Amino acid sequence: MPGAASSTAEKVVTDFSDNSLLPELFGKHDSNLALIEKRLGVTVSSRGNKVSIAGPSVSAGAAKSVLQSLYSRLERGQTVESGDVEGAIRLAESAQPGGSGDDAAQQAVIRTRKRLITPRSAKQSEYVQRIRESEIVFGVGPAGTGKTYLSVAVAVEMLLQGRVDRLILSRPAVEAGERIGFLPGDLRDKIDPYLRPLYDALHDMLPGDQVAKALESGDIEVAPLAFMRGRTLANSFIILDEAQNTTPMQMKMFLTRIGENSRMVIAGDPSQIDLPLGSKSGLRDALDILTDVPEVGVVHFGEADVVRHHLVTRIVQAYNENDRQRQVAQMARKTAQNGEDGG
């Protein structure tokens, strides 16, 4: 058996010119190398500025691509965190023969005042490119896939470049019908908790004083969905978050707000609908109705695109599997019932 293993194994050696970057490349206690070994099934060892990778040919090549991608990040002055390692691995695994997932990611790099943001999966790269090319884009999929974060990042980039005059971020203020009257405080106090994820994304990309100044001047507006009615939004980048919690009427209202030289992104997860039981989601309704409109882009994210903590991926997979099993059980019960009724 050792002979069979060695016939499929390969050893790849790569070196890096700047030794000062290697501690961050390898991670604390070589944690980044350990993650690459675990995810790709290879063995990684280092001596000086050389790294040796042993394992199946495809996996060894992918590991080399991951290390080179992360090293390039460090050369550009970017940091390398565990999420970046996960993203580089995901891109290397999705790269087609003769192509490079990392090249696609670099083309989709988003530049904001506080950081450069690089997509961590092929689907994220596609999403960023689609937002840049299309006037209306739907980002659909589970939590943790970067739907809202990346759309805010592209919006901030376009605002800084002067391609739009203002940025408008919106979401249903309260998931089931926007009933905010019972909350304490004035209107701002009532709606801010529901819009906090959008504020967090902004502060991750712009200095706090610039966010405050832009909010005060109106260059950036964060508002509940109900405030969109009756407006025509020109020269704007408009984002609707948590779109699965809109009604069909609300979604139609929102989509028809788009004006000249504007861009619109609608992000949501159809598996997390918090509307009253029996209510149809405006997101699902829009996807059904607009499926044949070529100017409307739709990017579907899946379990494999989750880029948060690795446990988020496991949690999403477990819930999806539970849903599948429940649907199979329901179909089996209906089939059995139909058989009894027929008998």
C-alpha atoms as a PDB file:
ATOM      1  CA  MET A   1       0.000   0.000   0.000  1.00  0.00           C
ATOM      2  CA  PRO A   2       2.809   2.503   0.631  1.00  0.00           C
ATOM      3  CA  GLY A   3       3.813   2.111  -3.007  1.00  0.00           C
ATOM      4  CA  ALA A   4       0.260   2.858  -4.153  1.00  0.00           C
ATOM      5  CA  ALA A   5       0.124   5.936  -1.961  1.00  0.00           C
ATOM      6  CA  SER A   6       3.438   7.257  -3.228  1.00  0.00           C
ATOM      7  CA  SER A   7       2.316   6.832  -6.848  1.00  0.00           C
ATOM      8  CA  THR A   8      -0.479   9.367  -6.295  1.00  0.00           C
ATOM      9  CA  ALA A   9       1.429  11.660  -3.948  1.00  0.00           C
ATOM     10  CA  GLU A  10       3.430  14.696  -4.944  1.00  0.00           C
ATOM     11  CA  LYS A  11       5.828  17.030  -3.195  1.00  0.00           C
ATOM     12  CA  VAL A  12       5.697  20.694  -4.094  1.00  0.00           C
ATOM     13  CA  VAL A  13       8.231  23.251  -2.895  1.00  0.00           C
ATOM     14  CA  THR A  14       7.661  26.998  -2.999  1.00  0.00           C
ATOM     15  CA  ASP A  15       9.729  29.827  -1.577  1.00  0.00           C
ATOM     16  CA  PHE A  16       9.004  33.373  -0.452  1.00  0.00           C
ATOM     17  CA  SER A  17      11.466  36.241  -0.799  1.00  0.00           C
ATOM     18  CA  ASP A  18      10.474  38.325   2.248  1.00  0.00           C
ATOM     19  CA  ASN A  19      11.103  36.364   5.447  1.00  0.00           C
ATOM     20  CA  SER A  20       9.531  39.118   7.563  1.00  0.00           C
ATOM     21  CA  LEU A  21       6.092  38.238   6.178  1.00  0.00           C
ATOM     22  CA  LEU A  22       6.307  34.538   6.972  1.00  0.00           C
ATOM     23  CA  PRO A  23       5.214  34.652  10.641  1.00  0.00           C
ATOM     24  CA  GLU A  24       1.916  36.235   9.623  1.00  0.00           C
ATOM     25  CA  LEU A  25       1.620  33.929   6.610  1.00  0.00           C
ATOM     26  CA  PHE A  26       2.068  30.827   8.761  1.00  0.00           C
ATOM     27  CA  GLY A  27      -0.117  32.150  11.592  1.00  0.00           C
ATOM     28  CA  LYS A  28       0.374  31.985  15.335  1.00  0.00           C
ATOM     29  CA  HIS A  29       1.909  28.601  16.199  1.00  0.00           C
ATOM     30  CA  ASP A  30       1.621  27.773  12.448  1.00  0.00           C
ATOM     31  CA  SER A  31      -2.173  27.798  12.768  1.00  0.00           C
ATOM     32  CA  ASN A  32      -2.675  28.816   9.126  1.00  0.00           C
ATOM     33  CA  LEU A  33      -0.518  25.931   7.911  1.00  0.00           C
ATOM     34  CA  ALA A  34      -2.445  23.555  10.181  1.00  0.00           C
ATOM     35  CA  LEU A  35      -5.735  24.766   8.705  1.00  0.00           C
ATOM     36  CA  ILE A  36      -4.458  24.225   5.162  1.00  0.00           C
ATOM     37  CA  GLU A  37      -3.307  20.722   6.099  1.00  0.00           C
ATOM     38  CA  LYS A  38      -6.683  19.872   7.630  1.00  0.00           C
ATOM     39  CA  ARG A  39      -8.805  21.263   4.830  1.00  0.00           C
ATOM     40  CA  LEU A  40      -6.769  20.012   1.875  1.00  0.00           C
ATOM     41  CA  GLY A  41      -5.387  16.746   3.257  1.00  0.00           C
ATOM     42  CA  VAL A  42      -1.730  17.630   2.771  1.00  0.00           C
ATOM     43  CA  THR A  43       1.372  17.886   4.936  1.00  0.00           C
ATOM     44  CA  VAL A  44       3.087  21.268   5.083  1.00  0.00           C
ATOM     45  CA  SER A  45       6.552  21.895   6.486  1.00  0.00           C
ATOM     46  CA  SER A  46       8.782  24.963   6.390  1.00  0.00           C
ATOM     47  CA  ARG A  47      12.516  25.588   6.548  1.00  0.00           C
ATOM     48  CA  GLY A  48      13.817  29.102   6.172  1.00  0.00           C
ATOM     49  CA  ASN A  49      11.899  30.776   3.368  1.00  0.00           C
ATOM     50  CA  LYS A  50      10.949  27.475   1.700  1.00  0.00           C
ATOM     51  CA  VAL A  51       7.686  25.588   2.223  1.00  0.00           C
ATOM     52  CA  SER A  52       7.274  21.940   1.256  1.00  0.00           C
ATOM     53  CA  ILE A  53       3.820  20.522   0.568  1.00  0.00           C
ATOM     54  CA  ALA A  54       3.267  16.780   0.321  1.00  0.00           C
ATOM     55  CA  GLY A  55       0.008  15.140  -0.712  1.00  0.00           C
ATOM     56  CA  PRO A  56      -2.166  14.227  -3.685  1.00  0.00           C
ATOM     57  CA  SER A  57      -1.219  16.214  -6.783  1.00  0.00           C
ATOM     58  CA  VAL A  58      -4.394  18.321  -6.960  1.00  0.00           C
ATOM     59  CA  SER A  59      -4.416  19.048  -3.228  1.00  0.00           C
ATOM     60  CA  ALA A  60      -0.718  19.952  -3.157  1.00  0.00           C
ATOM     61  CA  GLY A  61      -1.245  22.339  -6.061  1.00  0.00           C
ATOM     62  CA  ALA A  62      -4.224  23.906  -4.311  1.00  0.00           C
ATOM     63  CA  ALA A  63      -2.216  24.343  -1.082  1.00  0.00           C
ATOM     64  CA  LYS A  64       0.567  26.055  -3.020  1.00  0.00           C
ATOM     65  CA  SER A  65      -1.985  28.378  -4.631  1.00  0.00           C
ATOM     66  CA  VAL A  66      -3.421  29.201  -1.179  1.00  0.00           C
ATOM     67  CA  LEU A  67      -0.026  30.116   0.263  1.00  0.00           C
ATOM     68  CA  GLN A  68       0.894  32.235  -2.757  1.00  0.00           C
ATOM     69  CA  SER A  69      -2.455  34.025  -2.606  1.00  0.00           C
ATOM     70  CA  LEU A  70      -2.066  34.807   1.104  1.00  0.00           C
ATOM     71  CA  TYR A  71       1.537  35.921   0.614  1.00  0.00           C
ATOM     72  CA  SER A  72       0.376  38.312  -2.128  1.00  0.00           C
ATOM     73  CA  ARG A  73      -2.115  39.799   0.340  1.00  0.00           C
ATOM     74  CA  LEU A  74       0.691  40.453   2.803  1.00  0.00           C
ATOM     75  CA  GLU A  75       2.851  42.033   0.091  1.00  0.00           C
ATOM     76  CA  ARG A  76      -0.001  44.449  -0.658  1.00  0.00           C
ATOM     77  CA  GLY A  77      -0.122  45.436   3.007  1.00  0.00           C
ATOM     78  CA  GLN A  78      -3.272  43.487   3.820  1.00  0.00           C
ATOM     79  CA  THR A  79      -3.632  41.268   6.859  1.00  0.00           C
ATOM     80  CA  VAL A  80      -4.221  37.509   6.902  1.00  0.00           C
ATOM     81  CA  GLU A  81      -6.823  36.180   9.316  1.00  0.00           C
ATOM     82  CA  SER A  82      -8.338  32.722   9.617  1.00  0.00           C
ATOM     83  CA  GLY A  83     -11.279  33.795   7.464  1.00  0.00           C
ATOM     84  CA  ASP A  84      -8.866  34.865   4.725  1.00  0.00           C
ATOM     85  CA  VAL A  85      -7.217  31.443   4.854  1.00  0.00           C
ATOM     86  CA  GLU A  86     -10.615  29.757   4.589  1.00  0.00           C
ATOM     87  CA  GLY A  87     -11.483  32.009   1.668  1.00  0.00           C
ATOM     88  CA  ALA A  88      -8.215  31.301  -0.139  1.00  0.00           C
ATOM     89  CA  ILE A  89      -8.774  27.568   0.298  1.00  0.00           C
ATOM     90  CA  ARG A  90     -12.306  27.888  -1.042  1.00  0.00           C
ATOM     91  CA  LEU A  91     -11.085  29.835  -4.072  1.00  0.00           C
ATOM     92  CA  ALA A  92      -8.298  27.344  -4.752  1.00  0.00           C
ATOM     93  CA  GLU A  93     -10.752  24.449  -4.602  1.00  0.00           C
ATOM     94  CA  SER A  94     -13.146  26.183  -7.013  1.00  0.00           C
ATOM     95  CA  ALA A  95     -10.476  27.259  -9.528  1.00  0.00           C
ATOM     96  CA  GLN A  96     -10.897  25.650 -12.931  1.00  0.00           C
ATOM     97  CA  PRO A  97      -7.944  23.870 -14.603  1.00  0.00           C
ATOM     98  CA  GLY A  98      -5.844  26.471 -16.338  1.00  0.00           C
ATOM     99  CA  GLY A  99      -7.606  29.286 -14.477  1.00  0.00           C
ATOM    100  CA  SER A 100      -7.275  30.931 -11.105  1.00  0.00           C
ATOM    101  CA  GLY A 101      -9.954  31.637  -8.561  1.00  0.00           C
ATOM    102  CA  ASP A 102      -7.547  34.077  -6.920  1.00  0.00           C
ATOM    103  CA  ASP A 103      -7.286  36.103 -10.156  1.00  0.00           C
ATOM    104  CA  ALA A 104     -11.085  36.476 -10.157  1.00  0.00           C
ATOM    105  CA  ALA A 105     -11.016  37.524  -6.517  1.00  0.00           C
ATOM    106  CA  GLN A 106      -8.339  40.143  -7.179  1.00  0.00           C
ATOM    107  CA  GLN A 107     -10.392  41.602 -10.037  1.00  0.00           C
ATOM    108  CA  ALA A 108     -13.271  41.943  -7.579  1.00  0.00           C
ATOM    109  CA  VAL A 109     -11.252  43.642  -4.807  1.00  0.00           C
ATOM    110  CA  ILE A 110     -13.222  46.480  -3.206  1.00  0.00           C
ATOM    111  CA  ARG A 111     -11.373  49.579  -2.028  1.00  0.00           C
ATOM    112  CA  THR A 112     -12.730  51.542   0.904  1.00  0.00           C
ATOM    113  CA  ARG A 113     -11.149  54.118   3.230  1.00  0.00           C
ATOM    114  CA  LYS A 114     -10.333  51.651   6.008  1.00  0.00           C
ATOM    115  CA  ARG A 115      -9.509  48.460   4.118  1.00  0.00           C
ATOM    116  CA  LEU A 116      -9.283  46.487   0.927  1.00  0.00           C
ATOM    117  CA  ILE A 117     -11.970  43.819   0.833  1.00  0.00           C
ATOM    118  CA  THR A 118     -11.277  40.667  -1.166  1.00  0.00           C
ATOM    119  CA  PRO A 119     -14.035  38.148  -1.963  1.00  0.00           C
ATOM    120  CA  ARG A 120     -13.514  34.845  -0.167  1.00  0.00           C
ATOM    121  CA  SER A 121     -15.272  32.555  -2.629  1.00  0.00           C
ATOM    122  CA  ALA A 122     -15.882  32.288  -6.355  1.00  0.00           C
ATOM    123  CA  LYS A 123     -19.557  33.075  -5.760  1.00  0.00           C
ATOM    124  CA  GLN A 124     -18.642  36.234  -3.834  1.00  0.00           C
ATOM    125  CA  SER A 125     -16.443  37.326  -6.761  1.00  0.00           C
ATOM    126  CA  GLU A 126     -19.363  36.734  -9.128  1.00  0.00           C
ATOM    127  CA  TYR A 127     -21.639  38.728  -6.822  1.00  0.00           C
ATOM    128  CA  VAL A 128     -19.316  41.739  -6.711  1.00  0.00           C
ATOM    129  CA  GLN A 129     -18.861  41.720 -10.482  1.00  0.00           C
ATOM    130  CA  ARG A 130     -22.616  41.416 -11.020  1.00  0.00           C
ATOM    131  CA  ILE A 131     -23.290  44.386  -8.712  1.00  0.00           C
ATOM    132  CA  ARG A 132     -20.784  46.469 -10.648  1.00  0.00           C
ATOM    133  CA  GLU A 133     -22.361  45.547 -13.989  1.00  0.00           C
ATOM    134  CA  SER A 134     -26.126  45.420 -13.312  1.00  0.00           C
ATOM    135  CA  GLU A 135     -28.574  48.068 -12.134  1.00  0.00           C
ATOM    136  CA  ILE A 136     -30.587  45.645 -10.005  1.00  0.00           C
ATOM    137  CA  VAL A 137     -29.078  42.564  -8.321  1.00  0.00           C
ATOM    138  CA  PHE A 138     -30.614  40.008  -5.970  1.00  0.00           C
ATOM    139  CA  GLY A 139     -28.241  38.257  -3.557  1.00  0.00           C
ATOM    140  CA  VAL A 140     -30.019  35.171  -2.236  1.00  0.00           C
ATOM    141  CA  GLY A 141     -28.730  32.607   0.237  1.00  0.00           C
ATOM    142  CA  PRO A 142     -27.975  31.639   3.831  1.00  0.00           C
ATOM    143  CA  ALA A 143     -26.517  33.785   6.587  1.00  0.00           C
ATOM    144  CA  GLY A 144     -22.770  34.319   6.547  1.00  0.00           C
ATOM    145  CA  THR A 145     -22.280  34.432   2.777  1.00  0.00           C
ATOM    146  CA  GLY A 146     -21.461  38.158   2.665  1.00  0.00           C
ATOM    147  CA  LYS A 147     -24.556  39.290   0.767  1.00  0.00           C
ATOM    148  CA  THR A 148     -25.096  42.509   2.737  1.00  0.00           C
ATOM    149  CA  TYR A 149     -21.477  43.185   3.685  1.00  0.00           C
ATOM    150  CA  LEU A 150     -20.190  43.045   0.107  1.00  0.00           C
ATOM    151  CA  SER A 151     -23.046  45.123  -1.251  1.00  0.00           C
ATOM    152  CA  VAL A 152     -22.341  47.835   1.346  1.00  0.00           C
ATOM    153  CA  ALA A 153     -18.641  47.652   0.460  1.00  0.00           C
ATOM    154  CA  VAL A 154     -19.291  48.169  -3.269  1.00  0.00           C
ATOM    155  CA  ALA A 155     -21.726  50.975  -2.434  1.00  0.00           C
ATOM    156  CA  VAL A 156     -19.117  52.751  -0.287  1.00  0.00           C
ATOM    157  CA  GLU A 157     -16.514  52.307  -3.039  1.00  0.00           C
ATOM    158  CA  MET A 158     -18.829  53.844  -5.652  1.00  0.00           C
ATOM    159  CA  LEU A 159     -19.705  56.707  -3.298  1.00  0.00           C
ATOM    160  CA  LEU A 160     -16.019  57.467  -2.717  1.00  0.00           C
ATOM    161  CA  GLN A 161     -15.380  57.345  -6.463  1.00  0.00           C
ATOM    162  CA  GLY A 162     -18.185  59.843  -7.095  1.00  0.00           C
ATOM    163  CA  ARG A 163     -20.137  57.376  -9.245  1.00  0.00           C
ATOM    164  CA  VAL A 164     -23.199  57.895  -7.035  1.00  0.00           C
ATOM    165  CA  ASP A 165     -24.171  60.868  -4.898  1.00  0.00           C
ATOM    166  CA  ARG A 166     -25.616  59.009  -1.939  1.00  0.00           C
ATOM    167  CA  LEU A 167     -25.966  55.633  -0.319  1.00  0.00           C
ATOM    168  CA  ILE A 168     -29.333  54.451   1.011  1.00  0.00           C
ATOM    169  CA  LEU A 169     -29.511  51.380   3.246  1.00  0.00           C
ATOM    170  CA  SER A 170     -32.882  49.945   4.169  1.00  0.00           C
ATOM    171  CA  ARG A 171     -34.512  46.915   5.738  1.00  0.00           C
ATOM    172  CA  PRO A 172     -37.857  46.026   7.288  1.00  0.00           C
ATOM    173  CA  ALA A 173     -37.656  47.741  10.681  1.00  0.00           C
ATOM    174  CA  VAL A 174     -39.420  44.908  12.480  1.00  0.00           C
ATOM    175  CA  GLU A 175     -39.565  41.518  10.844  1.00  0.00           C
ATOM    176  CA  ALA A 176     -43.309  40.890  11.206  1.00  0.00           C
ATOM    177  CA  GLY A 177     -45.004  43.970   9.837  1.00  0.00           C
ATOM    178  CA  GLU A 178     -42.777  46.809  11.151  1.00  0.00           C
ATOM    179  CA  ARG A 179     -44.743  47.236  14.401  1.00  0.00           C
ATOM    180  CA  ILE A 180     -42.321  49.572  16.177  1.00  0.00           C
ATOM    181  CA  GLY A 181     -44.703  51.577  18.323  1.00  0.00           C
ATOM    182  CA  PHE A 182     -44.247  49.481  21.467  1.00  0.00           C
ATOM    183  CA  LEU A 183     -40.483  50.097  21.643  1.00  0.00           C
ATOM    184  CA  PRO A 184     -39.224  52.840  23.998  1.00  0.00           C
ATOM    185  CA  GLY A 185     -37.736  56.121  22.828  1.00  0.00           C
ATOM    186  CA  ASP A 186     -38.203  58.356  19.787  1.00  0.00           C
ATOM    187  CA  LEU A 187     -38.335  57.074  16.204  1.00  0.00           C
ATOM    188  CA  ARG A 188     -34.537  56.895  15.886  1.00  0.00           C
ATOM    189  CA  ASP A 189     -34.334  54.852  19.102  1.00  0.00           C
ATOM    190  CA  LYS A 190     -37.054  52.523  17.829  1.00  0.00           C
ATOM    191  CA  ILE A 191     -35.540  51.698  14.455  1.00  0.00           C
ATOM    192  CA  ASP A 192     -31.781  51.767  15.174  1.00  0.00           C
ATOM    193  CA  PRO A 193     -31.595  48.263  16.728  1.00  0.00           C
ATOM    194  CA  TYR A 194     -33.000  46.747  13.536  1.00  0.00           C
ATOM    195  CA  LEU A 195     -30.588  48.712  11.329  1.00  0.00           C
ATOM    196  CA  ARG A 196     -27.500  48.061  13.464  1.00  0.00           C
ATOM    197  CA  PRO A 197     -25.958  45.467  11.081  1.00  0.00           C
ATOM    198  CA  LEU A 198     -25.902  48.123   8.355  1.00  0.00           C
ATOM    199  CA  TYR A 199     -24.204  50.652  10.654  1.00  0.00           C
ATOM    200  CA  ASP A 200     -21.655  47.991  11.624  1.00  0.00           C
ATOM    201  CA  ALA A 201     -20.786  47.363   7.972  1.00  0.00           C
ATOM    202  CA  LEU A 202     -20.352  51.098   7.348  1.00  0.00           C
ATOM    203  CA  HIS A 203     -18.014  51.520  10.322  1.00  0.00           C
ATOM    204  CA  ASP A 204     -15.937  48.597   9.034  1.00  0.00           C
ATOM    205  CA  MET A 205     -15.237  50.522   5.823  1.00  0.00           C
ATOM    206  CA  LEU A 206     -15.162  54.200   6.798  1.00  0.00           C
ATOM    207  CA  PRO A 207     -13.710  56.112   9.778  1.00  0.00           C
ATOM    208  CA  GLY A 208     -16.353  56.831  12.408  1.00  0.00           C
ATOM    209  CA  ASP A 209     -16.238  60.601  11.948  1.00  0.00           C
ATOM    210  CA  GLN A 210     -16.810  60.227   8.198  1.00  0.00           C
ATOM    211  CA  VAL A 211     -19.788  57.934   8.798  1.00  0.00           C
ATOM    212  CA  ALA A 212     -21.290  60.450  11.229  1.00  0.00           C
ATOM    213  CA  LYS A 213     -20.684  63.347   8.831  1.00  0.00           C
ATOM    214  CA  ALA A 214     -22.181  61.459   5.863  1.00  0.00           C
ATOM    215  CA  LEU A 215     -25.237  60.465   7.904  1.00  0.00           C
ATOM    216  CA  GLU A 216     -25.721  64.061   9.021  1.00  0.00           C
ATOM    217  CA  SER A 217     -25.383  65.473   5.491  1.00  0.00           C
ATOM    218  CA  GLY A 218     -27.618  62.811   3.950  1.00  0.00           C
ATOM    219  CA  ASP A 219     -24.881  61.353   1.742  1.00  0.00           C
ATOM    220  CA  ILE A 220     -25.578  58.123   3.611  1.00  0.00           C
ATOM    221  CA  GLU A 221     -29.108  57.352   4.748  1.00  0.00           C
ATOM    222  CA  VAL A 222     -30.153  54.377   6.856  1.00  0.00           C
ATOM    223  CA  ALA A 223     -33.912  54.019   6.992  1.00  0.00           C
ATOM    224  CA  PRO A 224     -36.664  51.454   7.491  1.00  0.00           C
ATOM    225  CA  LEU A 225     -38.405  50.171   4.381  1.00  0.00           C
ATOM    226  CA  ALA A 226     -41.614  52.065   5.169  1.00  0.00           C
ATOM    227  CA  PHE A 227     -39.755  55.348   4.568  1.00  0.00           C
ATOM    228  CA  MET A 228     -39.115  54.456   0.894  1.00  0.00           C
ATOM    229  CA  ARG A 229     -42.729  54.908  -0.192  1.00  0.00           C
ATOM    230  CA  GLY A 230     -43.361  57.812  -2.581  1.00  0.00           C
ATOM    231  CA  ARG A 231     -39.688  58.478  -3.342  1.00  0.00           C
ATOM    232  CA  THR A 232     -37.755  58.332  -6.624  1.00  0.00           C
ATOM    233  CA  LEU A 233     -34.089  57.700  -5.918  1.00  0.00           C
ATOM    234  CA  ALA A 234     -31.719  59.006  -8.604  1.00  0.00           C
ATOM    235  CA  ASN A 235     -27.897  58.963  -8.539  1.00  0.00           C
ATOM    236  CA  SER A 236     -28.073  56.589  -5.584  1.00  0.00           C
ATOM    237  CA  PHE A 237     -26.891  53.171  -4.475  1.00  0.00           C
ATOM    238  CA  ILE A 238     -29.827  51.546  -2.668  1.00  0.00           C
ATOM    239  CA  ILE A 239     -29.586  48.349  -0.611  1.00  0.00           C
ATOM    240  CA  LEU A 240     -32.478  46.393   0.848  1.00  0.00           C
ATOM    241  CA  ASP A 241     -31.374  43.950   3.558  1.00  0.00           C
ATOM    242  CA  GLU A 242     -33.465  41.114   5.054  1.00  0.00           C
ATOM    243  CA  ALA A 243     -35.596  41.242   1.911  1.00  0.00           C
ATOM    244  CA  GLN A 244     -37.255  37.907   2.709  1.00  0.00           C
ATOM    245  CA  ASN A 245     -39.299  39.773   5.335  1.00  0.00           C
ATOM    246  CA  THR A 246     -40.988  42.093   2.862  1.00  0.00           C
ATOM    247  CA  THR A 247     -44.477  41.508   1.518  1.00  0.00           C
ATOM    248  CA  PRO A 248     -44.995  41.383  -2.278  1.00  0.00           C
ATOM    249  CA  MET A 249     -46.516  44.876  -2.135  1.00  0.00           C
ATOM    250  CA  GLN A 250     -43.524  46.247  -0.204  1.00  0.00           C
ATOM    251  CA  MET A 251     -41.076  44.642  -2.624  1.00  0.00           C
ATOM    252  CA  LYS A 252     -42.865  46.107  -5.656  1.00  0.00           C
ATOM    253  CA  MET A 253     -42.858  49.510  -3.945  1.00  0.00           C
ATOM    254  CA  PHE A 254     -39.134  49.266  -3.247  1.00  0.00           C
ATOM    255  CA  LEU A 255     -38.107  48.085  -6.724  1.00  0.00           C
ATOM    256  CA  THR A 256     -40.028  50.917  -8.376  1.00  0.00           C
ATOM    257  CA  ARG A 257     -38.077  53.539  -6.380  1.00  0.00           C
ATOM    258  CA  ILE A 258     -35.039  53.201  -8.673  1.00  0.00           C
ATOM    259  CA  GLY A 259     -34.225  56.341 -10.658  1.00  0.00           C
ATOM    260  CA  GLU A 260     -31.648  57.511 -13.206  1.00  0.00           C
ATOM    261  CA  ASN A 261     -28.014  56.500 -12.639  1.00  0.00           C
ATOM    262  CA  SER A 262     -28.929  54.370  -9.633  1.00  0.00           C
ATOM    263  CA  ARG A 263     -28.021  50.885  -8.545  1.00  0.00           C
ATOM    264  CA  MET A 264     -30.077  48.587  -6.340  1.00  0.00           C
ATOM    265  CA  VAL A 265     -29.137  45.441  -4.390  1.00  0.00           C
ATOM    266  CA  ILE A 266     -31.690  43.227  -2.676  1.00  0.00           C
ATOM    267  CA  ALA A 267     -30.267  40.737  -0.165  1.00  0.00           C
ATOM    268  CA  GLY A 268     -32.159  38.045   1.682  1.00  0.00           C
ATOM    269  CA  ASP A 269     -32.432  34.453   2.838  1.00  0.00           C
ATOM    270  CA  PRO A 270     -35.697  32.705   1.863  1.00  0.00           C
ATOM    271  CA  SER A 271     -35.118  30.109   4.593  1.00  0.00           C
ATOM    272  CA  GLN A 272     -35.400  32.740   7.359  1.00  0.00           C
ATOM    273  CA  ILE A 273     -38.781  34.320   6.703  1.00  0.00           C
ATOM    274  CA  ASP A 274     -40.273  35.917   9.829  1.00  0.00           C
ATOM    275  CA  LEU A 275     -43.542  37.086   8.294  1.00  0.00           C
ATOM    276  CA  PRO A 276     -46.822  35.901   9.826  1.00  0.00           C
ATOM    277  CA  LEU A 277     -47.669  32.314   8.955  1.00  0.00           C
ATOM    278  CA  GLY A 278     -49.307  32.123   5.539  1.00  0.00           C
ATOM    279  CA  SER A 279     -47.883  35.428   4.273  1.00  0.00           C
ATOM    280  CA  LYS A 280     -45.959  35.283   0.993  1.00  0.00           C
ATOM    281  CA  SER A 281     -42.439  36.664   0.963  1.00  0.00           C
ATOM    282  CA  GLY A 282     -41.852  39.606  -1.352  1.00  0.00           C
ATOM    283  CA  LEU A 283     -38.395  38.215  -2.107  1.00  0.00           C
ATOM    284  CA  ARG A 284     -39.730  34.884  -3.366  1.00  0.00           C
ATOM    285  CA  ASP A 285     -42.470  36.692  -5.273  1.00  0.00           C
ATOM    286  CA  ALA A 286     -39.979  39.002  -7.010  1.00  0.00           C
ATOM    287  CA  LEU A 287     -37.655  36.147  -7.955  1.00  0.00           C
ATOM    288  CA  ASP A 288     -40.594  34.343  -9.580  1.00  0.00           C
ATOM    289  CA  ILE A 289     -41.846  37.414 -11.433  1.00  0.00           C
ATOM    290  CA  LEU A 290     -38.503  38.866 -12.579  1.00  0.00           C
ATOM    291  CA  THR A 291     -36.824  35.628 -13.628  1.00  0.00           C
ATOM    292  CA  ASP A 292     -37.019  36.520 -17.352  1.00  0.00           C
ATOM    293  CA  VAL A 293     -35.942  40.165 -17.034  1.00  0.00           C
ATOM    294  CA  PRO A 294     -32.363  40.124 -18.436  1.00  0.00           C
ATOM    295  CA  GLU A 295     -31.297  43.393 -16.779  1.00  0.00           C
ATOM    296  CA  VAL A 296     -31.957  41.971 -13.322  1.00  0.00           C
ATOM    297  CA  GLY A 297     -29.065  39.914 -11.931  1.00  0.00           C
ATOM    298  CA  VAL A 298     -29.575  37.089  -9.449  1.00  0.00           C
ATOM    299  CA  VAL A 299     -26.760  35.410  -7.515  1.00  0.00           C
ATOM    300  CA  HIS A 300     -27.655  32.331  -5.465  1.00  0.00           C
ATOM    301  CA  PHE A 301     -25.353  31.481  -2.556  1.00  0.00           C
ATOM    302  CA  GLY A 302     -25.218  28.018  -0.989  1.00  0.00           C
ATOM    303  CA  GLU A 303     -23.905  26.302   2.112  1.00  0.00           C
ATOM    304  CA  ALA A 304     -20.391  26.131   0.641  1.00  0.00           C
ATOM    305  CA  ASP A 305     -20.279  29.934   0.358  1.00  0.00           C
ATOM    306  CA  VAL A 306     -20.630  30.636   4.095  1.00  0.00           C
ATOM    307  CA  VAL A 307     -17.531  32.634   5.063  1.00  0.00           C
ATOM    308  CA  ARG A 308     -18.092  33.181   8.778  1.00  0.00           C
ATOM    309  CA  HIS A 309     -16.833  30.846  11.492  1.00  0.00           C
ATOM    310  CA  HIS A 310     -16.633  27.263  10.205  1.00  0.00           C
ATOM    311  CA  LEU A 311     -19.380  26.267  12.640  1.00  0.00           C
ATOM    312  CA  VAL A 312     -21.811  28.557  10.794  1.00  0.00           C
ATOM    313  CA  THR A 313     -21.384  26.343   7.735  1.00  0.00           C
ATOM    314  CA  ARG A 314     -22.042  23.249   9.832  1.00  0.00           C
ATOM    315  CA  ILE A 315     -25.124  24.854  11.408  1.00  0.00           C
ATOM    316  CA  VAL A 316     -26.557  25.866   8.019  1.00  0.00           C
ATOM    317  CA  GLN A 317     -25.931  22.366   6.666  1.00  0.00           C
ATOM    318  CA  ALA A 318     -27.592  20.751   9.710  1.00  0.00           C
ATOM    319  CA  TYR A 319     -30.695  22.931   9.449  1.00  0.00           C
ATOM    320  CA  ASN A 320     -30.963  22.360   5.698  1.00  0.00           C
ATOM    321  CA  GLU A 321     -30.643  18.602   6.183  1.00  0.00           C
ATOM    322  CA  ASN A 322     -33.333  18.729   8.870  1.00  0.00           C
ATOM    323  CA  ASP A 323     -35.615  20.625   6.474  1.00  0.00           C
ATOM    324  CA  ARG A 324     -34.986  18.051   3.738  1.00  0.00           C
ATOM    325  CA  GLN A 325     -35.785  15.163   6.071  1.00  0.00           C
ATOM    326  CA  ARG A 326     -38.955  16.881   7.258  1.00  0.00           C
ATOM    327  CA  GLN A 327     -40.096  17.436   3.655  1.00  0.00           C
ATOM    328  CA  VAL A 328     -39.429  13.771   2.821  1.00  0.00           C
ATOM    329  CA  ALA A 329     -41.430  12.707   5.886  1.00  0.00           C
ATOM    330  CA  GLN A 330     -44.321  15.006   4.924  1.00  0.00           C
ATOM    331  CA  MET A 331     -44.379  13.607   1.394  1.00  0.00           C
ATOM    332  CA  ALA A 332     -44.332  10.054   2.765  1.00  0.00           C
ATOM    333  CA  ARG A 333     -47.291  10.845   5.053  1.00  0.00           C
ATOM    334  CA  LYS A 334     -49.250  12.383   2.181  1.00  0.00           C
ATOM    335  CA  THR A 335     -48.538   9.376  -0.031  1.00  0.00           C
ATOM    336  CA  ALA A 336     -49.669   6.990   2.700  1.00  0.00           C
ATOM    337  CA  GLN A 337     -52.799   9.059   3.332  1.00  0.00           C
ATOM    338  CA  ASN A 338     -53.646   9.163  -0.360  1.00  0.00           C
ATOM    339  CA  GLY A 339     -53.230   5.378  -0.484  1.00  0.00           C
ATOM    340  CA  GLU A 340     -55.615   4.941   2.436  1.00  0.00           C
ATOM    341  CA  ASP A 341     -58.155   7.314   0.893  1.00  0.00           C
ATOM    342  CA  GLY A 342     -57.965   5.470  -2.413  1.00  0.00           C
ATOM    343  CA  GLY A 343     -58.418   2.140  -0.657  1.00  0.00           C
END
